[in-house]
Structures are given as structure tokens and as C-alpha cells.
Amino acid sequence: MASESTITKTPAEESTQAEHTRSGFYYRPNVDIIEHPEELVVLADVPGASPDGIDVNFEDGMLTIHAKVPPRHEDVEFLVGEYGVGDFWRTFHVAETVDAGKISAEYADGVLTLHMPKAEAAKPRKIAVKA
């Protein structure tokens, strides 16, 4: 059994994530993030959403993806119902310096693709060594 002298308390950290205040289900979309020398590419699975139902925000280094998914069926009594329907929500802190004015988004086959070009200051550069 641990004695009081061996137990250390760690202060709770403040949450930097926004909390959801709307009712309903939110799903966390699976995401791949790929880093290229010139940009970051984010691939997010948001099946059932439509392009006009997807909100992407980038502010102060925080990327937020929110995709609204309408109900598939209303007033239906399922014999078997395994497919959950709800909105997608995901937030990331982006450590790289991104040129926010050049971020672009595409949506096809249930996958949201974000192209986030790096700012010039964040791009790798070769430094010549003089003798």
C-alpha cells in the first residue's frame, strides 16, 4: 500500500478544447494528417455530410471541423438499427505556421480534404555553409 509520502498530486490542466452545448450525438471523425514541405494535408472521414453542411474554421492556430449530418430516416421503427447518425466535430491545435488565407477544402466520397499551405517562415530552407 502506498504511503502518503509516495503519492504526488498533479494540478489539473485547463482545457483548451471547446465544449459542445448543443444536444444530440457528435462523432469524432477519423483523420489523417500528412506533412509535405509546402503544406499540411488533412483527410477527415465525414460520411453522410454534404459540402454545404461542413464548417471549417482556423483561428489562432486552432483548426475546427464540424460536419452536419441530417437524419437518414424519420419516424421509422427499425427491425435492426446499428448505424448511428449525428454530426461530426473535431478540433486540433496546429503547431505549424499556416497561411490561413490560402487554406482550401474539397469534399468527395465522404472524405473532407484540407490543404493548409505553410507560411514562408515555417517552410524548411537550405542554409549554405561557407568555408
N, C-alpha and C. Protein backbone atom coordinates (compact mmCIF):
# COMPACT_ATOMS: atom_id res chain seq x y z
N MET A 1 0.84 -1.17 0.00
CA MET A 1 0.00 0.00 0.00
C MET A 1 0.89 1.23 0.00
N ALA A 2 0.51 2.23 -0.78
CA ALA A 2 1.33 3.43 -0.89
C ALA A 2 1.11 4.33 0.31
N SER A 3 2.20 4.88 0.78
CA SER A 3 2.08 5.83 1.89
C SER A 3 1.86 7.22 1.33
N GLU A 4 1.50 8.13 2.21
CA GLU A 4 1.19 9.49 1.78
C GLU A 4 2.40 10.17 1.15
N SER A 5 3.60 9.81 1.59
CA SER A 5 4.80 10.47 1.07
C SER A 5 5.14 10.04 -0.36
N THR A 6 4.60 8.92 -0.84
CA THR A 6 4.91 8.47 -2.19
C THR A 6 3.87 8.92 -3.21
N ILE A 7 2.78 9.50 -2.75
CA ILE A 7 1.73 9.94 -3.68
C ILE A 7 1.92 11.41 -3.98
N THR A 8 1.97 11.73 -5.26
CA THR A 8 2.10 13.13 -5.64
C THR A 8 0.87 13.55 -6.42
N LYS A 9 0.42 14.74 -6.16
CA LYS A 9 -0.74 15.27 -6.88
C LYS A 9 -0.25 16.20 -7.98
N THR A 10 -0.88 16.06 -9.11
CA THR A 10 -0.56 16.94 -10.22
C THR A 10 -1.74 17.88 -10.43
N PRO A 11 -1.46 19.17 -10.58
CA PRO A 11 -2.57 20.10 -10.79
C PRO A 11 -3.28 19.82 -12.12
N ALA A 12 -4.58 19.98 -12.11
CA ALA A 12 -5.37 19.78 -13.33
C ALA A 12 -5.05 20.87 -14.32
N GLU A 13 -4.91 20.48 -15.57
CA GLU A 13 -4.64 21.45 -16.62
C GLU A 13 -5.95 22.00 -17.15
N GLU A 14 -5.92 23.25 -17.58
CA GLU A 14 -7.12 23.84 -18.16
C GLU A 14 -7.34 23.25 -19.54
N SER A 15 -8.58 23.05 -19.88
CA SER A 15 -8.92 22.50 -21.19
C SER A 15 -8.88 23.60 -22.23
N THR A 16 -8.22 23.31 -23.36
CA THR A 16 -8.19 24.26 -24.46
C THR A 16 -9.23 23.90 -25.51
N GLN A 17 -9.92 22.79 -25.31
CA GLN A 17 -10.94 22.35 -26.25
C GLN A 17 -12.27 23.03 -25.93
N ALA A 18 -12.99 23.40 -26.97
CA ALA A 18 -14.33 23.96 -26.78
C ALA A 18 -15.29 22.84 -26.39
N GLU A 19 -16.19 23.14 -25.52
CA GLU A 19 -17.18 22.14 -25.13
C GLU A 19 -18.44 22.34 -25.95
N HIS A 20 -19.12 21.23 -26.24
CA HIS A 20 -20.34 21.27 -27.04
C HIS A 20 -21.52 21.63 -26.15
N THR A 21 -22.35 22.55 -26.61
CA THR A 21 -23.52 22.93 -25.82
C THR A 21 -24.82 22.52 -26.48
N ARG A 22 -24.76 21.98 -27.68
CA ARG A 22 -25.97 21.52 -28.35
C ARG A 22 -26.26 20.08 -27.96
N SER A 23 -27.54 19.74 -28.00
CA SER A 23 -27.89 18.35 -27.70
C SER A 23 -27.68 17.50 -28.95
N GLY A 24 -27.68 16.21 -28.77
CA GLY A 24 -27.50 15.30 -29.89
C GLY A 24 -26.14 14.64 -29.84
N PHE A 25 -25.94 13.70 -30.75
CA PHE A 25 -24.69 12.96 -30.80
C PHE A 25 -23.67 13.70 -31.65
N TYR A 26 -22.42 13.66 -31.22
CA TYR A 26 -21.30 14.14 -32.01
C TYR A 26 -20.33 12.99 -32.15
N TYR A 27 -19.90 12.77 -33.35
CA TYR A 27 -18.91 11.74 -33.61
C TYR A 27 -17.57 12.40 -33.90
N ARG A 28 -16.53 11.71 -33.53
CA ARG A 28 -15.17 12.20 -33.76
C ARG A 28 -14.67 11.56 -35.05
N PRO A 29 -14.55 12.34 -36.13
CA PRO A 29 -14.16 11.73 -37.39
C PRO A 29 -12.71 11.24 -37.36
N ASN A 30 -12.46 10.13 -38.02
CA ASN A 30 -11.09 9.65 -38.17
C ASN A 30 -10.37 10.59 -39.12
N VAL A 31 -9.13 10.90 -38.78
CA VAL A 31 -8.38 11.91 -39.53
C VAL A 31 -6.97 11.41 -39.81
N ASP A 32 -6.48 11.69 -41.00
CA ASP A 32 -5.06 11.52 -41.34
C ASP A 32 -4.51 12.91 -41.60
N ILE A 33 -3.33 13.20 -41.06
CA ILE A 33 -2.67 14.47 -41.32
C ILE A 33 -1.31 14.14 -41.92
N ILE A 34 -1.07 14.71 -43.09
CA ILE A 34 0.17 14.44 -43.83
C ILE A 34 0.93 15.75 -43.95
N GLU A 35 2.22 15.69 -43.62
CA GLU A 35 3.04 16.90 -43.75
C GLU A 35 3.93 16.79 -44.97
N HIS A 36 3.82 17.78 -45.84
CA HIS A 36 4.69 17.94 -47.00
C HIS A 36 5.55 19.18 -46.75
N PRO A 37 6.63 19.36 -47.48
CA PRO A 37 7.46 20.55 -47.25
C PRO A 37 6.70 21.87 -47.41
N GLU A 38 5.70 21.90 -48.30
CA GLU A 38 4.99 23.14 -48.59
C GLU A 38 3.65 23.28 -47.88
N GLU A 39 3.07 22.16 -47.39
CA GLU A 39 1.73 22.23 -46.82
C GLU A 39 1.45 21.07 -45.88
N LEU A 40 0.38 21.23 -45.11
CA LEU A 40 -0.21 20.14 -44.34
C LEU A 40 -1.48 19.73 -45.07
N VAL A 41 -1.73 18.43 -45.18
CA VAL A 41 -2.96 17.93 -45.79
C VAL A 41 -3.71 17.16 -44.72
N VAL A 42 -4.98 17.52 -44.52
CA VAL A 42 -5.83 16.87 -43.53
C VAL A 42 -6.92 16.12 -44.28
N LEU A 43 -7.05 14.82 -44.00
CA LEU A 43 -8.10 13.99 -44.59
C LEU A 43 -9.02 13.56 -43.45
N ALA A 44 -10.29 13.94 -43.51
CA ALA A 44 -11.23 13.63 -42.44
C ALA A 44 -12.42 12.86 -43.01
N ASP A 45 -12.76 11.74 -42.37
CA ASP A 45 -13.92 10.94 -42.78
C ASP A 45 -15.18 11.55 -42.18
N VAL A 46 -16.06 12.06 -43.03
CA VAL A 46 -17.34 12.62 -42.59
C VAL A 46 -18.46 12.12 -43.50
N PRO A 47 -18.72 10.79 -43.47
CA PRO A 47 -19.74 10.23 -44.36
C PRO A 47 -21.13 10.74 -44.03
N GLY A 48 -21.91 10.97 -45.06
CA GLY A 48 -23.28 11.42 -44.89
C GLY A 48 -23.44 12.92 -44.88
N ALA A 49 -22.33 13.66 -44.79
CA ALA A 49 -22.40 15.12 -44.82
C ALA A 49 -22.48 15.60 -46.26
N SER A 50 -22.89 16.83 -46.44
CA SER A 50 -22.86 17.45 -47.76
C SER A 50 -21.90 18.63 -47.68
N PRO A 51 -21.32 19.05 -48.80
CA PRO A 51 -20.34 20.14 -48.76
C PRO A 51 -20.86 21.41 -48.08
N ASP A 52 -22.14 21.74 -48.28
CA ASP A 52 -22.67 22.96 -47.66
C ASP A 52 -23.02 22.76 -46.19
N GLY A 53 -22.92 21.53 -45.68
CA GLY A 53 -23.15 21.26 -44.26
C GLY A 53 -21.86 21.12 -43.47
N ILE A 54 -20.73 21.44 -44.09
CA ILE A 54 -19.43 21.31 -43.43
C ILE A 54 -18.88 22.71 -43.15
N ASP A 55 -18.51 22.93 -41.88
CA ASP A 55 -17.88 24.19 -41.47
C ASP A 55 -16.45 23.90 -41.07
N VAL A 56 -15.52 24.64 -41.66
CA VAL A 56 -14.11 24.53 -41.30
C VAL A 56 -13.66 25.91 -40.85
N ASN A 57 -13.10 25.98 -39.65
CA ASN A 57 -12.60 27.25 -39.13
C ASN A 57 -11.16 27.09 -38.69
N PHE A 58 -10.36 28.12 -38.95
CA PHE A 58 -8.97 28.15 -38.50
C PHE A 58 -8.72 29.51 -37.88
N GLU A 59 -8.48 29.51 -36.58
CA GLU A 59 -8.27 30.77 -35.87
C GLU A 59 -7.30 30.56 -34.72
N ASP A 60 -6.29 31.41 -34.65
CA ASP A 60 -5.29 31.36 -33.58
C ASP A 60 -4.66 29.97 -33.44
N GLY A 61 -4.37 29.32 -34.57
CA GLY A 61 -3.73 28.01 -34.54
C GLY A 61 -4.65 26.85 -34.24
N MET A 62 -5.95 27.11 -34.12
CA MET A 62 -6.92 26.04 -33.84
C MET A 62 -7.73 25.74 -35.10
N LEU A 63 -7.71 24.49 -35.52
CA LEU A 63 -8.49 24.04 -36.66
C LEU A 63 -9.70 23.30 -36.12
N THR A 64 -10.91 23.73 -36.54
CA THR A 64 -12.14 23.08 -36.12
C THR A 64 -12.90 22.60 -37.34
N ILE A 65 -13.29 21.34 -37.31
CA ILE A 65 -14.10 20.74 -38.37
C ILE A 65 -15.44 20.35 -37.76
N HIS A 66 -16.52 20.85 -38.35
CA HIS A 66 -17.87 20.50 -37.90
C HIS A 66 -18.68 20.15 -39.14
N ALA A 67 -19.17 18.93 -39.21
CA ALA A 67 -19.96 18.48 -40.35
C ALA A 67 -21.33 18.05 -39.86
N LYS A 68 -22.37 18.68 -40.41
CA LYS A 68 -23.74 18.35 -40.04
C LYS A 68 -24.23 17.20 -40.91
N VAL A 69 -24.83 16.22 -40.27
CA VAL A 69 -25.37 15.06 -40.99
C VAL A 69 -26.85 14.96 -40.68
N PRO A 70 -27.70 15.10 -41.71
CA PRO A 70 -29.14 15.01 -41.46
C PRO A 70 -29.56 13.57 -41.17
N PRO A 71 -30.67 13.39 -40.48
CA PRO A 71 -31.16 12.03 -40.21
C PRO A 71 -31.45 11.30 -41.52
N ARG A 72 -31.15 10.01 -41.55
CA ARG A 72 -31.41 9.23 -42.77
C ARG A 72 -32.87 8.89 -42.91
N HIS A 73 -33.53 8.60 -41.80
CA HIS A 73 -34.94 8.22 -41.82
C HIS A 73 -35.63 8.90 -40.65
N GLU A 74 -36.86 9.33 -40.86
CA GLU A 74 -37.62 9.93 -39.77
C GLU A 74 -38.88 9.09 -39.56
N ASP A 75 -39.27 8.96 -38.32
CA ASP A 75 -40.47 8.21 -37.95
C ASP A 75 -40.47 6.79 -38.52
N VAL A 76 -39.35 6.11 -38.34
CA VAL A 76 -39.22 4.73 -38.81
C VAL A 76 -38.93 3.85 -37.60
N GLU A 77 -39.59 2.71 -37.53
CA GLU A 77 -39.29 1.75 -36.48
C GLU A 77 -38.40 0.67 -37.10
N PHE A 78 -37.14 0.65 -36.67
CA PHE A 78 -36.17 -0.27 -37.25
C PHE A 78 -36.33 -1.67 -36.69
N LEU A 79 -36.16 -2.65 -37.54
CA LEU A 79 -36.06 -4.03 -37.10
C LEU A 79 -34.67 -4.23 -36.48
N VAL A 80 -33.64 -3.72 -37.15
CA VAL A 80 -32.27 -3.67 -36.65
C VAL A 80 -31.74 -2.29 -37.00
N GLY A 81 -31.19 -1.60 -36.04
CA GLY A 81 -30.64 -0.27 -36.29
C GLY A 81 -29.26 -0.13 -35.68
N GLU A 82 -28.23 -0.29 -36.48
CA GLU A 82 -26.85 -0.23 -35.98
C GLU A 82 -26.13 1.04 -36.42
N TYR A 83 -26.67 1.71 -37.40
CA TYR A 83 -25.98 2.87 -37.95
C TYR A 83 -26.40 4.12 -37.19
N GLY A 84 -25.46 4.70 -36.45
CA GLY A 84 -25.76 5.92 -35.71
C GLY A 84 -25.61 7.13 -36.60
N VAL A 85 -26.48 8.10 -36.44
CA VAL A 85 -26.40 9.32 -37.23
C VAL A 85 -26.23 10.50 -36.28
N GLY A 86 -25.32 11.36 -36.62
CA GLY A 86 -25.07 12.55 -35.82
C GLY A 86 -24.01 13.39 -36.48
N ASP A 87 -23.79 14.57 -35.94
CA ASP A 87 -22.81 15.47 -36.50
C ASP A 87 -21.39 15.03 -36.14
N PHE A 88 -20.44 15.47 -36.95
CA PHE A 88 -19.02 15.23 -36.69
C PHE A 88 -18.41 16.51 -36.16
N TRP A 89 -17.48 16.36 -35.19
CA TRP A 89 -16.83 17.53 -34.60
C TRP A 89 -15.41 17.14 -34.19
N ARG A 90 -14.43 17.94 -34.62
CA ARG A 90 -13.04 17.66 -34.24
C ARG A 90 -12.28 18.97 -34.21
N THR A 91 -11.42 19.14 -33.23
CA THR A 91 -10.61 20.34 -33.09
C THR A 91 -9.15 19.94 -32.90
N PHE A 92 -8.26 20.67 -33.57
CA PHE A 92 -6.82 20.41 -33.49
C PHE A 92 -6.09 21.71 -33.20
N HIS A 93 -5.01 21.60 -32.45
CA HIS A 93 -4.07 22.71 -32.33
C HIS A 93 -2.98 22.46 -33.35
N VAL A 94 -2.81 23.38 -34.29
CA VAL A 94 -1.84 23.22 -35.37
C VAL A 94 -0.55 23.92 -34.96
N ALA A 95 0.52 23.16 -34.78
CA ALA A 95 1.78 23.71 -34.31
C ALA A 95 2.51 24.47 -35.42
N GLU A 96 2.30 24.07 -36.65
CA GLU A 96 2.96 24.74 -37.78
C GLU A 96 2.34 26.11 -38.03
N THR A 97 3.11 27.01 -38.60
CA THR A 97 2.58 28.30 -39.02
C THR A 97 1.93 28.11 -40.38
N VAL A 98 0.64 28.35 -40.45
CA VAL A 98 -0.14 28.11 -41.67
C VAL A 98 -0.59 29.44 -42.25
N ASP A 99 -0.56 29.55 -43.58
CA ASP A 99 -1.07 30.73 -44.26
C ASP A 99 -2.59 30.59 -44.35
N ALA A 100 -3.30 31.14 -43.38
CA ALA A 100 -4.75 30.94 -43.25
C ALA A 100 -5.52 31.41 -44.48
N GLY A 101 -5.03 32.42 -45.17
CA GLY A 101 -5.72 32.94 -46.35
C GLY A 101 -5.69 32.01 -47.55
N LYS A 102 -4.84 31.00 -47.52
CA LYS A 102 -4.70 30.09 -48.66
C LYS A 102 -5.20 28.68 -48.38
N ILE A 103 -5.87 28.47 -47.24
CA ILE A 103 -6.42 27.14 -46.93
C ILE A 103 -7.55 26.83 -47.89
N SER A 104 -7.55 25.62 -48.45
CA SER A 104 -8.63 25.22 -49.35
C SER A 104 -9.20 23.88 -48.89
N ALA A 105 -10.45 23.61 -49.27
CA ALA A 105 -11.12 22.39 -48.84
C ALA A 105 -11.87 21.77 -50.01
N GLU A 106 -11.87 20.44 -50.05
CA GLU A 106 -12.62 19.67 -51.05
C GLU A 106 -13.35 18.56 -50.32
N TYR A 107 -14.49 18.14 -50.87
CA TYR A 107 -15.25 17.04 -50.28
C TYR A 107 -15.68 16.09 -51.39
N ALA A 108 -15.31 14.81 -51.26
CA ALA A 108 -15.71 13.80 -52.23
C ALA A 108 -15.75 12.44 -51.55
N ASP A 109 -16.78 11.67 -51.85
CA ASP A 109 -16.91 10.29 -51.37
C ASP A 109 -16.80 10.17 -49.85
N GLY A 110 -17.36 11.15 -49.13
CA GLY A 110 -17.38 11.08 -47.68
C GLY A 110 -16.10 11.53 -47.00
N VAL A 111 -15.13 12.04 -47.78
CA VAL A 111 -13.85 12.46 -47.23
C VAL A 111 -13.64 13.95 -47.47
N LEU A 112 -13.38 14.69 -46.40
CA LEU A 112 -13.03 16.11 -46.48
C LEU A 112 -11.52 16.20 -46.56
N THR A 113 -11.02 16.92 -47.57
CA THR A 113 -9.58 17.12 -47.74
C THR A 113 -9.28 18.60 -47.59
N LEU A 114 -8.41 18.92 -46.64
CA LEU A 114 -7.98 20.30 -46.41
C LEU A 114 -6.53 20.44 -46.83
N HIS A 115 -6.25 21.47 -47.60
CA HIS A 115 -4.87 21.82 -47.97
C HIS A 115 -4.52 23.07 -47.19
N MET A 116 -3.53 22.95 -46.32
CA MET A 116 -3.14 24.06 -45.45
C MET A 116 -1.69 24.45 -45.75
N PRO A 117 -1.51 25.41 -46.68
CA PRO A 117 -0.14 25.81 -47.06
C PRO A 117 0.60 26.42 -45.88
N LYS A 118 1.86 26.08 -45.77
CA LYS A 118 2.70 26.64 -44.72
C LYS A 118 3.08 28.08 -45.08
N ALA A 119 3.19 28.92 -44.08
CA ALA A 119 3.67 30.28 -44.28
C ALA A 119 5.16 30.20 -44.61
N GLU A 120 5.67 31.20 -45.28
CA GLU A 120 7.07 31.20 -45.68
C GLU A 120 8.01 30.99 -44.50
N ALA A 121 7.69 31.56 -43.36
CA ALA A 121 8.55 31.43 -42.18
C ALA A 121 8.64 30.00 -41.67
N ALA A 122 7.64 29.17 -41.96
CA ALA A 122 7.62 27.79 -41.46
C ALA A 122 8.19 26.78 -42.45
N LYS A 123 8.43 27.21 -43.70
CA LYS A 123 8.94 26.27 -44.70
C LYS A 123 10.41 25.97 -44.44
N PRO A 124 10.80 24.72 -44.65
CA PRO A 124 12.22 24.39 -44.48
C PRO A 124 13.06 25.07 -45.54
N ARG A 125 14.26 25.44 -45.15
CA ARG A 125 15.15 26.06 -46.13
C ARG A 125 16.55 25.54 -45.94
N LYS A 126 17.28 25.50 -47.01
CA LYS A 126 18.65 25.02 -47.02
C LYS A 126 19.56 26.19 -46.72
N ILE A 127 20.47 26.00 -45.80
CA ILE A 127 21.41 27.04 -45.44
C ILE A 127 22.79 26.63 -45.90
N ALA A 128 23.39 27.47 -46.71
CA ALA A 128 24.73 27.17 -47.24
C ALA A 128 25.79 27.42 -46.16
N VAL A 129 26.75 26.52 -46.10
CA VAL A 129 27.84 26.65 -45.15
C VAL A 129 29.06 27.16 -45.90
N LYS A 130 29.62 28.27 -45.45
CA LYS A 130 30.79 28.86 -46.10
C LYS A 130 32.05 28.38 -45.42
N ALA A 131 33.08 28.21 -46.22
CA ALA A 131 34.37 27.77 -45.66
C ALA A 131 35.30 28.96 -45.48
